[in-house]
């Protein structure tokens, strides 16, 4: 009987986050002794919030993230959350690694909606992104509020404790940059259809219409994709439902072996 191939689990966090956001999920997983876990830091976040360099495009950011991971000789289970899912999708499209599975949790690559006839929804999000960019550039203290409400639901900002709002205000520039890179990406149907790795797209049952639509679109556009709902969760699923996320990932990890093109 052949020995199981060594495997890397790569977890890419989203905006307003840092690698440790994955800790409650990882501690619930049952991994092989030979498995490695990598949690790269996205540009502009965590201990990289003061970086002088900023990626211009989504691909630049994805290349930076992938460059932090040594996956040589390993199959990769690549998992991304929110904008981290957009980064993970970009890494998959670039064919950087030998992927065993791709998992996109609450993904936000809004321009995929242009491929499913939902351009009005994509345009509305792009307008919010531009409003966020303009407000951030003008130094408006609550510029980030419009973005927070867009992904977490209208009125979220107003109901947050002031301490949380104070922390989020310090993240405005990085959040606006992530948003702009995401909405400026234009996907081709052929490139998404070329993804042959088994893919799971997951969204919370209480997420926004927009984010659910993106998940449904990706599940239609990527040939080997399946759609999964995490019951009771909204966009903050990593914090609110680590058990549900871990259960989903465990099924992926325990599934069939490495995908080979």
Protein backbone atom coordinates (compact mmCIF):
# COMPACT_ATOMS: atom_id res chain seq x y z
CA UNK A 1 0.00 0.00 0.00
CA UNK A 2 1.50 3.34 -1.04
CA UNK A 3 2.23 6.01 1.57
CA UNK A 4 -0.12 9.00 1.56
CA UNK A 5 1.41 12.01 -0.16
CA UNK A 6 2.57 14.77 2.15
CA UNK A 7 0.09 17.62 2.19
CA UNK A 8 -0.01 21.32 2.96
CA UNK A 9 -3.15 23.02 4.24
CA UNK A 10 -2.90 26.68 3.21
CA UNK A 11 -5.36 29.06 4.88
CA UNK A 12 -5.71 32.60 3.51
CA UNK A 13 -7.43 35.16 5.72
CA UNK A 14 -9.64 38.01 4.58
CA UNK A 15 -9.72 41.78 5.02
CA UNK A 16 -9.87 43.09 8.59
CA UNK A 17 -8.13 39.87 9.61
CA UNK A 18 -4.81 38.24 10.26
CA UNK A 19 -3.52 34.64 10.23
CA UNK A 20 -4.59 33.87 13.80
CA UNK A 21 -8.25 34.16 12.76
CA UNK A 22 -7.86 30.55 11.59
CA UNK A 23 -6.72 29.25 15.00
CA UNK A 24 -10.19 28.21 16.29
CA UNK A 25 -10.73 26.25 13.08
CA UNK A 26 -7.31 24.57 12.98
CA UNK A 27 -7.52 23.42 16.59
CA UNK A 28 -10.69 21.51 15.70
CA UNK A 29 -9.14 19.63 12.78
CA UNK A 30 -7.73 16.09 12.84
CA UNK A 31 -4.68 16.26 10.61
CA UNK A 32 -2.22 13.64 9.45
CA UNK A 33 1.11 13.68 11.29
CA UNK A 34 2.82 14.62 8.03
CA UNK A 35 0.45 17.51 7.23
CA UNK A 36 1.70 21.08 7.44
CA UNK A 37 -0.45 24.17 7.99
CA UNK A 38 0.47 27.53 6.47
CA UNK A 39 -1.31 30.79 7.30
CA UNK A 40 0.31 33.51 5.18
CA UNK A 41 -0.23 37.18 5.95
CA UNK A 42 -1.95 39.20 3.24
CA UNK A 43 -0.37 42.53 2.21
CA UNK A 44 -1.44 45.38 4.44
CA UNK A 45 -2.70 43.25 7.34
CA UNK A 46 -1.44 41.93 10.65
CA UNK A 47 2.27 42.55 11.13
CA UNK A 48 2.40 43.83 7.54
CA UNK A 49 0.09 46.78 8.13
CA UNK A 50 3.03 49.15 7.83
CA UNK A 51 4.47 47.71 4.60
CA UNK A 52 5.70 50.36 2.19
CA UNK A 53 4.93 48.09 -0.78
CA UNK A 54 1.32 47.61 -1.82
CA UNK A 55 0.18 45.29 -4.61
CA UNK A 56 -1.47 46.96 -7.58
CA UNK A 57 -3.62 44.03 -8.68
CA UNK A 58 -5.33 41.01 -7.20
CA UNK A 59 -2.77 38.79 -8.95
CA UNK A 60 0.09 40.78 -7.37
CA UNK A 61 -1.43 40.21 -3.92
CA UNK A 62 -2.01 36.51 -4.63
CA UNK A 63 1.56 36.05 -5.85
CA UNK A 64 2.83 37.69 -2.66
CA UNK A 65 0.72 35.36 -0.52
CA UNK A 66 1.76 32.25 -2.45
CA UNK A 67 5.40 33.29 -2.17
CA UNK A 68 5.21 32.93 1.61
CA UNK A 69 4.38 29.22 1.37
CA UNK A 70 6.81 26.39 0.69
CA UNK A 71 4.64 23.70 -0.86
CA UNK A 72 7.39 21.95 -2.80
CA UNK A 73 6.77 18.22 -2.99
CA UNK A 74 3.37 18.48 -1.35
CA UNK A 75 -0.18 18.44 -2.55
CA UNK A 76 -2.10 21.51 -1.38
CA UNK A 77 -5.53 22.02 0.10
CA UNK A 78 -6.00 25.74 -0.51
CA UNK A 79 -8.62 27.55 1.57
CA UNK A 80 -9.56 31.21 1.38
CA UNK A 81 -12.06 33.34 3.27
CA UNK A 82 -13.69 36.54 1.94
CA UNK A 83 -11.07 38.47 -0.06
CA UNK A 84 -8.73 35.64 0.90
CA UNK A 85 -10.98 33.44 -1.23
CA UNK A 86 -10.44 35.83 -4.13
CA UNK A 87 -6.71 35.48 -3.52
CA UNK A 88 -7.01 31.69 -3.34
CA UNK A 89 -8.97 31.65 -6.60
CA UNK A 90 -6.21 33.73 -8.19
CA UNK A 91 -3.55 31.30 -6.97
CA UNK A 92 -5.54 28.41 -8.43
CA UNK A 93 -5.87 30.23 -11.77
CA UNK A 94 -2.11 30.80 -11.81
CA UNK A 95 -1.54 27.06 -11.24
CA UNK A 96 1.14 27.76 -8.67
CA UNK A 97 0.82 24.43 -6.87
CA UNK A 98 -0.47 20.90 -7.28
CA UNK A 99 -3.87 21.41 -5.74
CA UNK A 100 -5.75 18.60 -4.04
CA UNK A 101 -8.75 20.80 -3.23
CA UNK A 102 -9.79 24.43 -3.43
CA UNK A 103 -12.15 25.75 -0.74
CA UNK A 104 -13.70 29.22 -1.04
CA UNK A 105 -15.54 30.41 2.08
CA UNK A 106 -17.79 33.47 1.78
CA UNK A 107 -15.87 34.46 -1.38
CA UNK A 108 -16.10 38.05 -2.60
CA UNK A 109 -14.75 38.20 -6.21
CA UNK A 110 -17.73 40.35 -7.19
CA UNK A 111 -16.90 40.63 -10.93
CA UNK A 112 -17.80 36.95 -11.49
CA UNK A 113 -21.41 38.18 -11.41
CA UNK A 114 -20.88 39.77 -14.83
CA UNK A 115 -20.57 36.23 -16.18
CA UNK A 116 -23.95 35.16 -14.78
CA UNK A 117 -26.03 38.11 -15.94
CA UNK A 118 -25.97 39.86 -12.56
CA UNK A 119 -24.09 42.95 -13.66
CA UNK A 120 -26.38 45.34 -11.78
CA UNK A 121 -25.45 43.71 -8.48
CA UNK A 122 -21.77 43.87 -9.40
CA UNK A 123 -22.10 47.52 -10.44
CA UNK A 124 -23.74 48.42 -7.14
CA UNK A 125 -20.87 46.87 -5.20
CA UNK A 126 -18.31 48.61 -7.41
CA UNK A 127 -20.00 51.94 -6.66
CA UNK A 128 -19.67 51.26 -2.93
CA UNK A 129 -16.02 50.35 -3.40
CA UNK A 130 -15.41 53.63 -5.22
CA UNK A 131 -17.23 55.56 -2.49
CA UNK A 132 -15.01 53.84 0.09
CA UNK A 133 -11.87 54.67 -1.91
CA UNK A 134 -12.86 58.33 -2.27
CA UNK A 135 -13.80 58.72 1.38
CA UNK A 136 -10.56 57.04 2.49
CA UNK A 137 -8.50 59.28 0.20
CA UNK A 138 -10.25 62.34 1.65
CA UNK A 139 -9.45 61.23 5.18
CA UNK A 140 -13.06 60.88 6.31
CA UNK A 141 -12.94 59.31 9.78
CA UNK A 142 -15.77 56.81 9.19
CA UNK A 143 -14.91 56.02 5.57
CA UNK A 144 -14.77 52.29 6.30
CA UNK A 145 -18.39 52.23 7.49
CA UNK A 146 -19.83 51.90 3.99
CA UNK A 147 -17.68 48.84 3.30
CA UNK A 148 -18.47 47.18 6.62
CA UNK A 149 -22.20 47.61 6.03
CA UNK A 150 -21.89 46.25 2.49
CA UNK A 151 -20.35 42.93 3.53
CA UNK A 152 -21.97 42.47 6.95
CA UNK A 153 -25.38 44.03 6.39
CA UNK A 154 -26.83 47.52 6.55
CA UNK A 155 -26.64 49.07 9.99
CA UNK A 156 -23.73 46.91 11.19
CA UNK A 157 -21.47 49.90 11.71
CA UNK A 158 -24.02 51.78 13.81
CA UNK A 159 -24.55 48.83 16.16
CA UNK A 160 -20.83 48.18 16.75
CA UNK A 161 -19.23 49.12 20.06
CA UNK A 162 -17.12 52.26 19.75
CA UNK A 163 -14.01 50.29 20.66
CA UNK A 164 -14.52 48.08 17.61
CA UNK A 165 -15.15 51.08 15.36
CA UNK A 166 -11.96 52.73 16.63
CA UNK A 167 -9.96 49.64 15.68
CA UNK A 168 -11.59 49.39 12.26
CA UNK A 169 -10.85 53.04 11.47
CA UNK A 170 -7.14 52.21 11.58
CA UNK A 171 -7.70 49.60 8.85
CA UNK A 172 -9.44 51.89 6.36
CA UNK A 173 -6.64 52.21 3.82
CA UNK A 174 -5.90 48.49 3.63
CA UNK A 175 -9.60 47.65 3.41
CA UNK A 176 -10.14 50.16 0.61
CA UNK A 177 -7.12 48.79 -1.28
CA UNK A 178 -8.38 45.20 -1.01
CA UNK A 179 -11.80 46.30 -2.24
CA UNK A 180 -10.41 48.16 -5.25
CA UNK A 181 -8.17 45.29 -6.33
CA UNK A 182 -11.11 42.91 -6.11
CA UNK A 183 -13.63 44.94 -8.11
CA UNK A 184 -11.07 45.79 -10.81
CA UNK A 185 -10.42 42.12 -11.66
CA UNK A 186 -12.25 40.95 -14.77
CA UNK A 187 -12.73 37.21 -15.15
CA UNK A 188 -13.07 35.28 -18.39
CA UNK A 189 -15.47 32.36 -18.53
CA UNK A 190 -12.79 30.15 -20.08
CA UNK A 191 -10.31 30.67 -17.25
CA UNK A 192 -12.83 29.71 -14.58
CA UNK A 193 -13.97 26.71 -16.59
CA UNK A 194 -10.33 25.60 -16.83
CA UNK A 195 -10.21 25.00 -13.05
CA UNK A 196 -10.47 21.21 -12.78
CA UNK A 197 -9.48 20.77 -9.16
CA UNK A 198 -12.30 19.68 -6.82
CA UNK A 199 -13.69 22.91 -5.40
CA UNK A 200 -16.02 23.65 -2.49
CA UNK A 201 -17.77 27.01 -2.33
CA UNK A 202 -19.35 27.78 1.05
CA UNK A 203 -21.50 30.62 2.32
CA UNK A 204 -23.41 31.34 5.50
CA UNK A 205 -27.18 30.99 5.36
CA UNK A 206 -27.51 34.46 6.94
CA UNK A 207 -25.03 36.21 4.65
CA UNK A 208 -25.94 39.05 2.30
CA UNK A 209 -27.75 38.48 -1.00
CA UNK A 210 -24.68 39.74 -2.81
CA UNK A 211 -22.25 37.30 -1.19
CA UNK A 212 -24.63 34.38 -1.60
CA UNK A 213 -24.97 35.28 -5.29
CA UNK A 214 -21.18 35.24 -5.72
CA UNK A 215 -20.97 31.77 -4.15
CA UNK A 216 -23.77 30.47 -6.34
CA UNK A 217 -22.12 31.98 -9.43
CA UNK A 218 -18.76 30.37 -8.69
CA UNK A 219 -20.44 27.01 -8.10
CA UNK A 220 -21.96 27.28 -11.59
CA UNK A 221 -18.87 28.60 -13.37
CA UNK A 222 -16.21 26.24 -11.95
CA UNK A 223 -16.87 22.76 -13.39
CA UNK A 224 -15.79 20.70 -10.39
CA UNK A 225 -17.38 22.95 -7.77
CA UNK A 226 -20.00 22.06 -5.19
CA UNK A 227 -21.99 24.52 -3.08
CA UNK A 228 -22.23 24.25 0.70
CA UNK A 229 -24.26 26.26 3.22
CA UNK A 230 -23.13 26.83 6.79
CA UNK A 231 -26.38 27.17 8.67
CA UNK A 232 -26.93 30.22 10.84
CA UNK A 233 -23.71 31.94 9.79
CA UNK A 234 -23.28 35.37 8.26
CA UNK A 235 -20.11 36.77 6.70
CA UNK A 236 -18.24 36.53 10.02
CA UNK A 237 -18.40 32.75 9.85
CA UNK A 238 -14.83 32.10 11.02
CA UNK A 239 -15.54 33.80 14.32
CA UNK A 240 -19.13 32.73 14.84
CA UNK A 241 -19.10 29.18 13.43
CA UNK A 242 -15.60 27.65 13.71
CA UNK A 243 -17.21 24.23 14.30
CA UNK A 244 -19.10 24.45 11.01
CA UNK A 245 -16.04 25.59 9.09
CA UNK A 246 -13.87 22.88 10.66
CA UNK A 247 -16.46 20.20 9.88
CA UNK A 248 -16.50 21.32 6.25
CA UNK A 249 -12.70 21.28 6.00
CA UNK A 250 -12.48 17.90 7.73
CA UNK A 251 -14.74 16.36 5.09
CA UNK A 252 -12.49 17.82 2.42
CA UNK A 253 -9.32 16.57 4.12
CA UNK A 254 -10.77 13.10 4.61
CA UNK A 255 -11.99 12.87 1.00
CA UNK A 256 -10.39 11.38 -2.13
CA UNK A 257 -6.66 11.82 -2.72
CA UNK A 258 -4.62 14.30 -4.65
CA UNK A 259 -6.02 15.71 -7.85
CA UNK A 260 -3.71 15.12 -10.79
CA UNK A 261 -4.25 17.15 -13.97
